[in-house]
Amino acid sequence: MTGSEQGSGNVRLVAWVHGHVQGVGFRWWTRSRALELGLTGYAANKPDGRVHVVAEGSSAACTALLEALRGGSTPGRVDLVVDTIEPARGGLTGFVER
């Protein structure tokens, strides 16, 4: 982390979303919600059917995104979200769908 990232209070959310979540709709929804919360990062489909979400920003914003992913308001059906919260690493710009 750079000095500015250490003092920012920002964190990195890494989430693996399981269920019927593959597709543009889920990734678009995740991107839209993340941008509303001021997060940077990405949402990417994986070959095994999971979606990998990486987001950086304030702890409150990352928690809000995680709660939204778990809350059932997303397109598709989320069965399980496995997550970790880490110190922010930086290097992410915008929020993209992969």
PDB file of N, CA and C in Angstrom:
ATOM      1  N   MET A   1       0.834  -1.178   0.000  1.00  0.00           N
ATOM      2  CA  MET A   1       0.000   0.000   0.000  1.00  0.00           C
ATOM      3  C   MET A   1       0.874   1.234   0.000  1.00  0.00           C
ATOM      4  N   THR A   2       0.385   2.255  -0.670  1.00  0.00           N
ATOM      5  CA  THR A   2       1.091   3.520  -0.604  1.00  0.00           C
ATOM      6  C   THR A   2       0.680   4.228   0.669  1.00  0.00           C
ATOM      7  N   GLY A   3       1.392   5.269   1.008  1.00  0.00           N
ATOM      8  CA  GLY A   3       1.067   6.014   2.219  1.00  0.00           C
ATOM      9  C   GLY A   3      -0.344   6.554   2.203  1.00  0.00           C
ATOM     10  N   SER A   4      -0.835   7.036   1.037  1.00  0.00           N
ATOM     11  CA  SER A   4      -2.181   7.590   0.978  1.00  0.00           C
ATOM     12  C   SER A   4      -3.235   6.501   1.146  1.00  0.00           C
ATOM     13  N   GLU A   5      -2.974   5.302   0.635  1.00  0.00           N
ATOM     14  CA  GLU A   5      -3.934   4.217   0.801  1.00  0.00           C
ATOM     15  C   GLU A   5      -3.975   3.738   2.241  1.00  0.00           C
ATOM     16  N   GLN A   6      -2.835   3.732   2.919  1.00  0.00           N
ATOM     17  CA  GLN A   6      -2.812   3.300   4.309  1.00  0.00           C
ATOM     18  C   GLN A   6      -3.660   4.216   5.175  1.00  0.00           C
ATOM     19  N   GLY A   7      -3.611   5.529   4.924  1.00  0.00           N
ATOM     20  CA  GLY A   7      -4.331   6.473   5.746  1.00  0.00           C
ATOM     21  C   GLY A   7      -5.777   6.672   5.323  1.00  0.00           C
ATOM     22  N   SER A   8      -6.198   6.078   4.202  1.00  0.00           N
ATOM     23  CA  SER A   8      -7.527   6.343   3.660  1.00  0.00           C
ATOM     24  C   SER A   8      -8.629   5.551   4.356  1.00  0.00           C
ATOM     25  N   GLY A   9      -8.283   4.490   5.055  1.00  0.00           N
ATOM     26  CA  GLY A   9      -9.307   3.642   5.651  1.00  0.00           C
ATOM     27  C   GLY A   9      -9.978   2.743   4.622  1.00  0.00           C
ATOM     28  N   ASN A  10      -9.456   2.701   3.400  1.00  0.00           N
ATOM     29  CA  ASN A  10     -10.042   1.861   2.365  1.00  0.00           C
ATOM     30  C   ASN A  10      -9.675   0.399   2.552  1.00  0.00           C
ATOM     31  N   VAL A  11     -10.554  -0.462   2.061  1.00  0.00           N
ATOM     32  CA  VAL A  11     -10.344  -1.903   2.125  1.00  0.00           C
ATOM     33  C   VAL A  11     -10.615  -2.501   0.753  1.00  0.00           C
ATOM     34  N   ARG A  12     -10.251  -3.765   0.612  1.00  0.00           N
ATOM     35  CA  ARG A  12     -10.545  -4.536  -0.599  1.00  0.00           C
ATOM     36  C   ARG A  12     -11.473  -5.677  -0.219  1.00  0.00           C
ATOM     37  N   LEU A  13     -12.608  -5.749  -0.893  1.00  0.00           N
ATOM     38  CA  LEU A  13     -13.547  -6.859  -0.766  1.00  0.00           C
ATOM     39  C   LEU A  13     -13.271  -7.830  -1.895  1.00  0.00           C
ATOM     40  N   VAL A  14     -13.052  -9.082  -1.566  1.00  0.00           N
ATOM     41  CA  VAL A  14     -12.909 -10.142  -2.558  1.00  0.00           C
ATOM     42  C   VAL A  14     -14.040 -11.125  -2.290  1.00  0.00           C
ATOM     43  N   ALA A  15     -14.932 -11.283  -3.273  1.00  0.00           N
ATOM     44  CA  ALA A  15     -16.105 -12.139  -3.079  1.00  0.00           C
ATOM     45  C   ALA A  15     -16.236 -13.120  -4.237  1.00  0.00           C
ATOM     46  N   TRP A  16     -16.576 -14.339  -3.886  1.00  0.00           N
ATOM     47  CA  TRP A  16     -16.898 -15.383  -4.860  1.00  0.00           C
ATOM     48  C   TRP A  16     -18.386 -15.643  -4.718  1.00  0.00           C
ATOM     49  N   VAL A  17     -19.141 -15.351  -5.787  1.00  0.00           N
ATOM     50  CA  VAL A  17     -20.597 -15.463  -5.756  1.00  0.00           C
ATOM     51  C   VAL A  17     -21.004 -16.750  -6.463  1.00  0.00           C
ATOM     52  N   HIS A  18     -21.720 -17.598  -5.729  1.00  0.00           N
ATOM     53  CA  HIS A  18     -22.170 -18.893  -6.242  1.00  0.00           C
ATOM     54  C   HIS A  18     -23.673 -18.830  -6.507  1.00  0.00           C
ATOM     55  N   GLY A  19     -24.124 -19.571  -7.501  1.00  0.00           N
ATOM     56  CA  GLY A  19     -25.546 -19.654  -7.819  1.00  0.00           C
ATOM     57  C   GLY A  19     -25.758 -19.488  -9.307  1.00  0.00           C
ATOM     58  N   HIS A  20     -26.938 -19.055  -9.681  1.00  0.00           N
ATOM     59  CA  HIS A  20     -27.254 -18.792 -11.086  1.00  0.00           C
ATOM     60  C   HIS A  20     -26.991 -17.309 -11.334  1.00  0.00           C
ATOM     61  N   VAL A  21     -25.715 -16.972 -11.471  1.00  0.00           N
ATOM     62  CA  VAL A  21     -25.316 -15.566 -11.541  1.00  0.00           C
ATOM     63  C   VAL A  21     -24.485 -15.242 -12.776  1.00  0.00           C
ATOM     64  N   GLN A  22     -24.222 -16.209 -13.617  1.00  0.00           N
ATOM     65  CA  GLN A  22     -23.455 -15.936 -14.828  1.00  0.00           C
ATOM     66  C   GLN A  22     -24.277 -15.045 -15.748  1.00  0.00           C
ATOM     67  N   GLY A  23     -23.621 -14.138 -16.419  1.00  0.00           N
ATOM     68  CA  GLY A  23     -24.293 -13.340 -17.426  1.00  0.00           C
ATOM     69  C   GLY A  23     -24.110 -11.854 -17.231  1.00  0.00           C
ATOM     70  N   VAL A  24     -24.447 -11.154 -18.295  1.00  0.00           N
ATOM     71  CA  VAL A  24     -24.260  -9.711 -18.327  1.00  0.00           C
ATOM     72  C   VAL A  24     -25.129  -9.012 -17.287  1.00  0.00           C
ATOM     73  N   GLY A  25     -26.341  -9.471 -17.058  1.00  0.00           N
ATOM     74  CA  GLY A  25     -27.241  -8.806 -16.119  1.00  0.00           C
ATOM     75  C   GLY A  25     -26.680  -8.724 -14.711  1.00  0.00           C
ATOM     76  N   PHE A  26     -26.130  -9.808 -14.232  1.00  0.00           N
ATOM     77  CA  PHE A  26     -25.572  -9.818 -12.881  1.00  0.00           C
ATOM     78  C   PHE A  26     -24.345  -8.930 -12.790  1.00  0.00           C
ATOM     79  N   ARG A  27     -23.456  -9.047 -13.757  1.00  0.00           N
ATOM     80  CA  ARG A  27     -22.248  -8.215 -13.747  1.00  0.00           C
ATOM     81  C   ARG A  27     -22.606  -6.732 -13.885  1.00  0.00           C
ATOM     82  N   TRP A  28     -23.588  -6.400 -14.742  1.00  0.00           N
ATOM     83  CA  TRP A  28     -24.024  -5.021 -14.905  1.00  0.00           C
ATOM     84  C   TRP A  28     -24.601  -4.493 -13.590  1.00  0.00           C
ATOM     85  N   TRP A  29     -25.442  -5.300 -12.942  1.00  0.00           N
ATOM     86  CA  TRP A  29     -26.031  -4.880 -11.671  1.00  0.00           C
ATOM     87  C   TRP A  29     -24.933  -4.624 -10.630  1.00  0.00           C
ATOM     88  N   THR A  30     -23.976  -5.528 -10.541  1.00  0.00           N
ATOM     89  CA  THR A  30     -22.876  -5.385  -9.581  1.00  0.00           C
ATOM     90  C   THR A  30     -22.081  -4.114  -9.872  1.00  0.00           C
ATOM     91  N   ARG A  31     -21.781  -3.888 -11.144  1.00  0.00           N
ATOM     92  CA  ARG A  31     -21.038  -2.682 -11.538  1.00  0.00           C
ATOM     93  C   ARG A  31     -21.827  -1.430 -11.175  1.00  0.00           C
ATOM     94  N   SER A  32     -23.112  -1.397 -11.486  1.00  0.00           N
ATOM     95  CA  SER A  32     -23.942  -0.225 -11.187  1.00  0.00           C
ATOM     96  C   SER A  32     -23.973   0.069  -9.694  1.00  0.00           C
ATOM     97  N   ARG A  33     -24.176  -0.965  -8.903  1.00  0.00           N
ATOM     98  CA  ARG A  33     -24.233  -0.783  -7.445  1.00  0.00           C
ATOM     99  C   ARG A  33     -22.880  -0.320  -6.912  1.00  0.00           C
ATOM    100  N   ALA A  34     -21.796  -0.919  -7.396  1.00  0.00           N
ATOM    101  CA  ALA A  34     -20.453  -0.539  -6.947  1.00  0.00           C
ATOM    102  C   ALA A  34     -20.157   0.922  -7.283  1.00  0.00           C
ATOM    103  N   LEU A  35     -20.528   1.353  -8.474  1.00  0.00           N
ATOM    104  CA  LEU A  35     -20.286   2.742  -8.860  1.00  0.00           C
ATOM    105  C   LEU A  35     -21.112   3.694  -7.998  1.00  0.00           C
ATOM    106  N   GLU A  36     -22.352   3.333  -7.690  1.00  0.00           N
ATOM    107  CA  GLU A  36     -23.183   4.154  -6.785  1.00  0.00           C
ATOM    108  C   GLU A  36     -22.499   4.324  -5.433  1.00  0.00           C
ATOM    109  N   LEU A  37     -21.802   3.293  -4.997  1.00  0.00           N
ATOM    110  CA  LEU A  37     -21.130   3.305  -3.696  1.00  0.00           C
ATOM    111  C   LEU A  37     -19.729   3.920  -3.756  1.00  0.00           C
ATOM    112  N   GLY A  38     -19.276   4.287  -4.950  1.00  0.00           N
ATOM    113  CA  GLY A  38     -17.960   4.896  -5.096  1.00  0.00           C
ATOM    114  C   GLY A  38     -16.810   3.911  -5.062  1.00  0.00           C
ATOM    115  N   LEU A  39     -17.070   2.662  -5.437  1.00  0.00           N
ATOM    116  CA  LEU A  39     -16.047   1.616  -5.399  1.00  0.00           C
ATOM    117  C   LEU A  39     -15.355   1.464  -6.743  1.00  0.00           C
ATOM    118  N   THR A  40     -14.124   0.973  -6.719  1.00  0.00           N
ATOM    119  CA  THR A  40     -13.409   0.579  -7.920  1.00  0.00           C
ATOM    120  C   THR A  40     -13.274  -0.941  -7.897  1.00  0.00           C
ATOM    121  N   GLY A  41     -13.020  -1.537  -9.061  1.00  0.00           N
ATOM    122  CA  GLY A  41     -12.823  -2.983  -9.090  1.00  0.00           C
ATOM    123  C   GLY A  41     -13.404  -3.624 -10.328  1.00  0.00           C
ATOM    124  N   TYR A  42     -13.861  -4.869 -10.170  1.00  0.00           N
ATOM    125  CA  TYR A  42     -14.415  -5.600 -11.311  1.00  0.00           C
ATOM    126  C   TYR A  42     -15.299  -6.750 -10.855  1.00  0.00           C
ATOM    127  N   ALA A  43     -16.113  -7.232 -11.803  1.00  0.00           N
ATOM    128  CA  ALA A  43     -16.907  -8.449 -11.634  1.00  0.00           C
ATOM    129  C   ALA A  43     -16.638  -9.309 -12.862  1.00  0.00           C
ATOM    130  N   ALA A  44     -16.239 -10.564 -12.655  1.00  0.00           N
ATOM    131  CA  ALA A  44     -15.834 -11.424 -13.764  1.00  0.00           C
ATOM    132  C   ALA A  44     -16.468 -12.801 -13.642  1.00  0.00           C
ATOM    133  N   ASN A  45     -17.031 -13.293 -14.757  1.00  0.00           N
ATOM    134  CA  ASN A  45     -17.519 -14.670 -14.812  1.00  0.00           C
ATOM    135  C   ASN A  45     -16.325 -15.618 -14.770  1.00  0.00           C
ATOM    136  N   LYS A  46     -16.487 -16.733 -14.097  1.00  0.00           N
ATOM    137  CA  LYS A  46     -15.469 -17.781 -14.063  1.00  0.00           C
ATOM    138  C   LYS A  46     -16.036 -19.037 -14.723  1.00  0.00           C
ATOM    139  N   PRO A  47     -15.181 -19.892 -15.303  1.00  0.00           N
ATOM    140  CA  PRO A  47     -15.652 -21.070 -16.025  1.00  0.00           C
ATOM    141  C   PRO A  47     -16.500 -22.030 -15.184  1.00  0.00           C
ATOM    142  N   ASP A  48     -16.317 -22.031 -13.871  1.00  0.00           N
ATOM    143  CA  ASP A  48     -17.078 -22.968 -13.032  1.00  0.00           C
ATOM    144  C   ASP A  48     -18.452 -22.439 -12.627  1.00  0.00           C
ATOM    145  N   GLY A  49     -18.869 -21.278 -13.156  1.00  0.00           N
ATOM    146  CA  GLY A  49     -20.194 -20.745 -12.872  1.00  0.00           C
ATOM    147  C   GLY A  49     -20.235 -19.685 -11.790  1.00  0.00           C
ATOM    148  N   ARG A  50     -19.132 -19.468 -11.111  1.00  0.00           N
ATOM    149  CA  ARG A  50     -19.093 -18.421 -10.085  1.00  0.00           C
ATOM    150  C   ARG A  50     -18.790 -17.077 -10.736  1.00  0.00           C
ATOM    151  N   VAL A  51     -19.063 -16.013  -9.980  1.00  0.00           N
ATOM    152  CA  VAL A  51     -18.639 -14.675 -10.381  1.00  0.00           C
ATOM    153  C   VAL A  51     -17.676 -14.181  -9.317  1.00  0.00           C
ATOM    154  N   HIS A  52     -16.535 -13.671  -9.760  1.00  0.00           N
ATOM    155  CA  HIS A  52     -15.500 -13.158  -8.880  1.00  0.00           C
ATOM    156  C   HIS A  52     -15.668 -11.639  -8.839  1.00  0.00           C
ATOM    157  N   VAL A  53     -15.881 -11.091  -7.652  1.00  0.00           N
ATOM    158  CA  VAL A  53     -16.050  -9.652  -7.475  1.00  0.00           C
ATOM    159  C   VAL A  53     -14.904  -9.140  -6.610  1.00  0.00           C
ATOM    160  N   VAL A  54     -14.214  -8.130  -7.103  1.00  0.00           N
ATOM    161  CA  VAL A  54     -13.168  -7.458  -6.340  1.00  0.00           C
ATOM    162  C   VAL A  54     -13.538  -5.983  -6.326  1.00  0.00           C
ATOM    163  N   ALA A  55     -13.629  -5.410  -5.122  1.00  0.00           N
ATOM    164  CA  ALA A  55     -14.007  -4.004  -4.998  1.00  0.00           C
ATOM    165  C   ALA A  55     -13.155  -3.341  -3.928  1.00  0.00           C
ATOM    166  N   GLU A  56     -12.760  -2.107  -4.191  1.00  0.00           N
ATOM    167  CA  GLU A  56     -12.006  -1.330  -3.211  1.00  0.00           C
ATOM    168  C   GLU A  56     -12.699  -0.009  -2.955  1.00  0.00           C
ATOM    169  N   GLY A  57     -12.659   0.400  -1.696  1.00  0.00           N
ATOM    170  CA  GLY A  57     -13.220   1.674  -1.280  1.00  0.00           C
ATOM    171  C   GLY A  57     -13.360   1.669   0.221  1.00  0.00           C
ATOM    172  N   SER A  58     -14.248   2.510   0.708  1.00  0.00           N
ATOM    173  CA  SER A  58     -14.439   2.575   2.156  1.00  0.00           C
ATOM    174  C   SER A  58     -14.995   1.260   2.680  1.00  0.00           C
ATOM    175  N   SER A  59     -14.712   0.993   3.925  1.00  0.00           N
ATOM    176  CA  SER A  59     -15.228  -0.217   4.559  1.00  0.00           C
ATOM    177  C   SER A  59     -16.751  -0.249   4.505  1.00  0.00           C
ATOM    178  N   ALA A  60     -17.391   0.897   4.752  1.00  0.00           N
ATOM    179  CA  ALA A  60     -18.856   0.966   4.728  1.00  0.00           C
ATOM    180  C   ALA A  60     -19.404   0.653   3.343  1.00  0.00           C
ATOM    181  N   ALA A  61     -18.761   1.173   2.292  1.00  0.00           N
ATOM    182  CA  ALA A  61     -19.223   0.919   0.932  1.00  0.00           C
ATOM    183  C   ALA A  61     -19.034  -0.546   0.556  1.00  0.00           C
ATOM    184  N   CYS A  62     -17.903  -1.139   0.923  1.00  0.00           N
ATOM    185  CA  CYS A  62     -17.675  -2.564   0.631  1.00  0.00           C
ATOM    186  C   CYS A  62     -18.679  -3.433   1.372  1.00  0.00           C
ATOM    187  N   THR A  63     -18.974  -3.090   2.604  1.00  0.00           N
ATOM    188  CA  THR A  63     -19.973  -3.831   3.374  1.00  0.00           C
ATOM    189  C   THR A  63     -21.347  -3.703   2.735  1.00  0.00           C
ATOM    190  N   ALA A  64     -21.693  -2.512   2.254  1.00  0.00           N
ATOM    191  CA  ALA A  64     -22.980  -2.304   1.595  1.00  0.00           C
ATOM    192  C   ALA A  64     -23.085  -3.144   0.328  1.00  0.00           C
ATOM    193  N   LEU A  65     -22.003  -3.217  -0.462  1.00  0.00           N
ATOM    194  CA  LEU A  65     -22.027  -4.056  -1.664  1.00  0.00           C
ATOM    195  C   LEU A  65     -22.176  -5.517  -1.278  1.00  0.00           C
ATOM    196  N   LEU A  66     -21.442  -5.963  -0.281  1.00  0.00           N
ATOM    197  CA  LEU A  66     -21.536  -7.349   0.168  1.00  0.00           C
ATOM    198  C   LEU A  66     -22.954  -7.678   0.627  1.00  0.00           C
ATOM    199  N   GLU A  67     -23.566  -6.798   1.396  1.00  0.00           N
ATOM    200  CA  GLU A  67     -24.942  -7.017   1.846  1.00  0.00           C
ATOM    201  C   GLU A  67     -25.906  -7.070   0.671  1.00  0.00           C
ATOM    202  N   ALA A  68     -25.691  -6.221  -0.340  1.00  0.00           N
ATOM    203  CA  ALA A  68     -26.537  -6.238  -1.530  1.00  0.00           C
ATOM    204  C   ALA A  68     -26.377  -7.552  -2.302  1.00  0.00           C
ATOM    205  N   LEU A  69     -25.136  -8.038  -2.407  1.00  0.00           N
ATOM    206  CA  LEU A  69     -24.911  -9.319  -3.079  1.00  0.00           C
ATOM    207  C   LEU A  69     -25.625 -10.451  -2.353  1.00  0.00           C
ATOM    208  N   ARG A  70     -25.602 -10.420  -1.039  1.00  0.00           N
ATOM    209  CA  ARG A  70     -26.240 -11.468  -0.240  1.00  0.00           C
ATOM    210  C   ARG A  70     -27.745 -11.276  -0.097  1.00  0.00           C
ATOM    211  N   GLY A  71     -28.226 -10.044  -0.326  1.00  0.00           N
ATOM    212  CA  GLY A  71     -29.605  -9.697  -0.016  1.00  0.00           C
ATOM    213  C   GLY A  71     -30.667 -10.147  -0.994  1.00  0.00           C
ATOM    214  N   GLY A  72     -30.270 -10.700  -2.126  1.00  0.00           N
ATOM    215  CA  GLY A  72     -31.263 -11.223  -3.050  1.00  0.00           C
ATOM    216  C   GLY A  72     -31.851 -10.206  -4.011  1.00  0.00           C
ATOM    217  N   SER A  73     -31.311  -8.986  -4.046  1.00  0.00           N
ATOM    218  CA  SER A  73     -31.858  -7.980  -4.961  1.00  0.00           C
ATOM    219  C   SER A  73     -31.170  -8.006  -6.320  1.00  0.00           C
ATOM    220  N   THR A  74     -30.242  -8.922  -6.511  1.00  0.00           N
ATOM    221  CA  THR A  74     -29.492  -9.006  -7.762  1.00  0.00           C
ATOM    222  C   THR A  74     -30.272  -9.808  -8.800  1.00  0.00           C
ATOM    223  N   PRO A  75     -29.961  -9.598 -10.094  1.00  0.00           N
ATOM    224  CA  PRO A  75     -30.493 -10.503 -11.109  1.00  0.00           C
ATOM    225  C   PRO A  75     -29.890 -11.896 -10.879  1.00  0.00           C
ATOM    226  N   GLY A  76     -30.595 -12.899 -11.208  1.00  0.00           N
ATOM    227  CA  GLY A  76     -30.093 -14.247 -10.972  1.00  0.00           C
ATOM    228  C   GLY A  76     -30.402 -14.694  -9.559  1.00  0.00           C
ATOM    229  N   ARG A  77     -29.914 -15.836  -9.207  1.00  0.00           N
ATOM    230  CA  ARG A  77     -30.152 -16.370  -7.863  1.00  0.00           C
ATOM    231  C   ARG A  77     -28.820 -16.619  -7.184  1.00  0.00           C
ATOM    232  N   VAL A  78     -28.569 -15.882  -6.129  1.00  0.00           N
ATOM    233  CA  VAL A  78     -27.338 -16.047  -5.369  1.00  0.00           C
ATOM    234  C   VAL A  78     -27.588 -17.097  -4.293  1.00  0.00           C
ATOM    235  N   ASP A  79     -26.782 -18.149  -4.309  1.00  0.00           N
ATOM    236  CA  ASP A  79     -26.895 -19.202  -3.296  1.00  0.00           C
ATOM    237  C   ASP A  79     -25.929 -18.982  -2.136  1.00  0.00           C
ATOM    238  N   LEU A  80     -24.751 -18.454  -2.441  1.00  0.00           N
ATOM    239  CA  LEU A  80     -23.702 -18.317  -1.430  1.00  0.00           C
ATOM    240  C   LEU A  80     -22.711 -17.250  -1.880  1.00  0.00           C
ATOM    241  N   VAL A  81     -22.263 -16.438  -0.928  1.00  0.00           N
ATOM    242  CA  VAL A  81     -21.186 -15.482  -1.194  1.00  0.00           C
ATOM    243  C   VAL A  81     -20.082 -15.760  -0.182  1.00  0.00           C
ATOM    244  N   VAL A  82     -18.912 -16.117  -0.691  1.00  0.00           N
ATOM    245  CA  VAL A  82     -17.739 -16.347   0.148  1.00  0.00           C
ATOM    246  C   VAL A  82     -16.844 -15.126  -0.021  1.00  0.00           C
ATOM    247  N   ASP A  83     -16.536 -14.465   1.103  1.00  0.00           N
ATOM    248  CA  ASP A  83     -15.829 -13.205   0.976  1.00  0.00           C
ATOM    249  C   ASP A  83     -14.663 -13.092   1.946  1.00  0.00           C
ATOM    250  N   THR A  84     -13.774 -12.177   1.622  1.00  0.00           N
ATOM    251  CA  THR A  84     -12.717 -11.740   2.529  1.00  0.00           C
ATOM    252  C   THR A  84     -12.602 -10.229   2.395  1.00  0.00           C
ATOM    253  N   ILE A  85     -12.195  -9.595   3.467  1.00  0.00           N
ATOM    254  CA  ILE A  85     -11.899  -8.166   3.478  1.00  0.00           C
ATOM    255  C   ILE A  85     -10.413  -8.032   3.787  1.00  0.00           C
ATOM    256  N   GLU A  86      -9.714  -7.305   2.934  1.00  0.00           N
ATOM    257  CA  GLU A  86      -8.269  -7.150   3.050  1.00  0.00           C
ATOM    258  C   GLU A  86      -7.925  -5.665   3.045  1.00  0.00           C
ATOM    259  N   PRO A  87      -6.707  -5.319   3.386  1.00  0.00           N
ATOM    260  CA  PRO A  87      -6.280  -3.932   3.199  1.00  0.00           C
ATOM    261  C   PRO A  87      -6.320  -3.579   1.714  1.00  0.00           C
ATOM    262  N   ALA A  88      -6.641  -2.350   1.394  1.00  0.00           N
ATOM    263  CA  ALA A  88      -6.654  -1.902   0.001  1.00  0.00           C
ATOM    264  C   ALA A  88      -5.255  -2.024  -0.590  1.00  0.00           C
ATOM    265  N   ARG A  89      -5.201  -2.405  -1.857  1.00  0.00           N
ATOM    266  CA  ARG A  89      -3.916  -2.516  -2.556  1.00  0.00           C
ATOM    267  C   ARG A  89      -3.751  -1.428  -3.602  1.00  0.00           C
ATOM    268  N   GLY A  90      -4.861  -0.811  -4.003  1.00  0.00           N
ATOM    269  CA  GLY A  90      -4.808   0.194  -5.061  1.00  0.00           C
ATOM    270  C   GLY A  90      -4.657  -0.457  -6.421  1.00  0.00           C
ATOM    271  N   GLY A  91      -4.453   0.352  -7.429  1.00  0.00           N
ATOM    272  CA  GLY A  91      -4.249  -0.160  -8.776  1.00  0.00           C
ATOM    273  C   GLY A  91      -5.525  -0.435  -9.542  1.00  0.00           C
ATOM    274  N   LEU A  92      -6.688  -0.237  -8.939  1.00  0.00           N
ATOM    275  CA  LEU A  92      -7.959  -0.446  -9.623  1.00  0.00           C
ATOM    276  C   LEU A  92      -8.524   0.910 -10.014  1.00  0.00           C
ATOM    277  N   THR A  93      -9.033   0.995 -11.236  1.00  0.00           N
ATOM    278  CA  THR A  93      -9.678   2.232 -11.672  1.00  0.00           C
ATOM    279  C   THR A  93     -11.050   1.915 -12.216  1.00  0.00           C
ATOM    280  N   GLY A  94     -12.023   2.750 -11.885  1.00  0.00           N
ATOM    281  CA  GLY A  94     -13.378   2.490 -12.339  1.00  0.00           C
ATOM    282  C   GLY A  94     -13.899   1.188 -11.771  1.00  0.00           C
ATOM    283  N   PHE A  95     -14.959   0.673 -12.363  1.00  0.00           N
ATOM    284  CA  PHE A  95     -15.459  -0.649 -12.018  1.00  0.00           C
ATOM    285  C   PHE A  95     -15.883  -1.283 -13.325  1.00  0.00           C
ATOM    286  N   VAL A  96     -15.288  -2.409 -13.685  1.00  0.00           N
ATOM    287  CA  VAL A  96     -15.498  -3.004 -15.000  1.00  0.00           C
ATOM    288  C   VAL A  96     -16.128  -4.385 -14.881  1.00  0.00           C
ATOM    289  N   GLU A  97     -16.766  -4.771 -15.986  1.00  0.00           N
ATOM    290  CA  GLU A  97     -17.293  -6.138 -16.125  1.00  0.00           C
ATOM    291  C   GLU A  97     -16.298  -6.907 -16.970  1.00  0.00           C
ATOM    292  N   ARG A  98     -15.932  -8.089 -16.527  1.00  0.00           N
ATOM    293  CA  ARG A  98     -14.991  -8.911 -17.309  1.00  0.00           C
ATOM    294  C   ARG A  98     -15.675 -10.161 -17.766  1.00  0.00           C
TER     295      ARG A  98
END
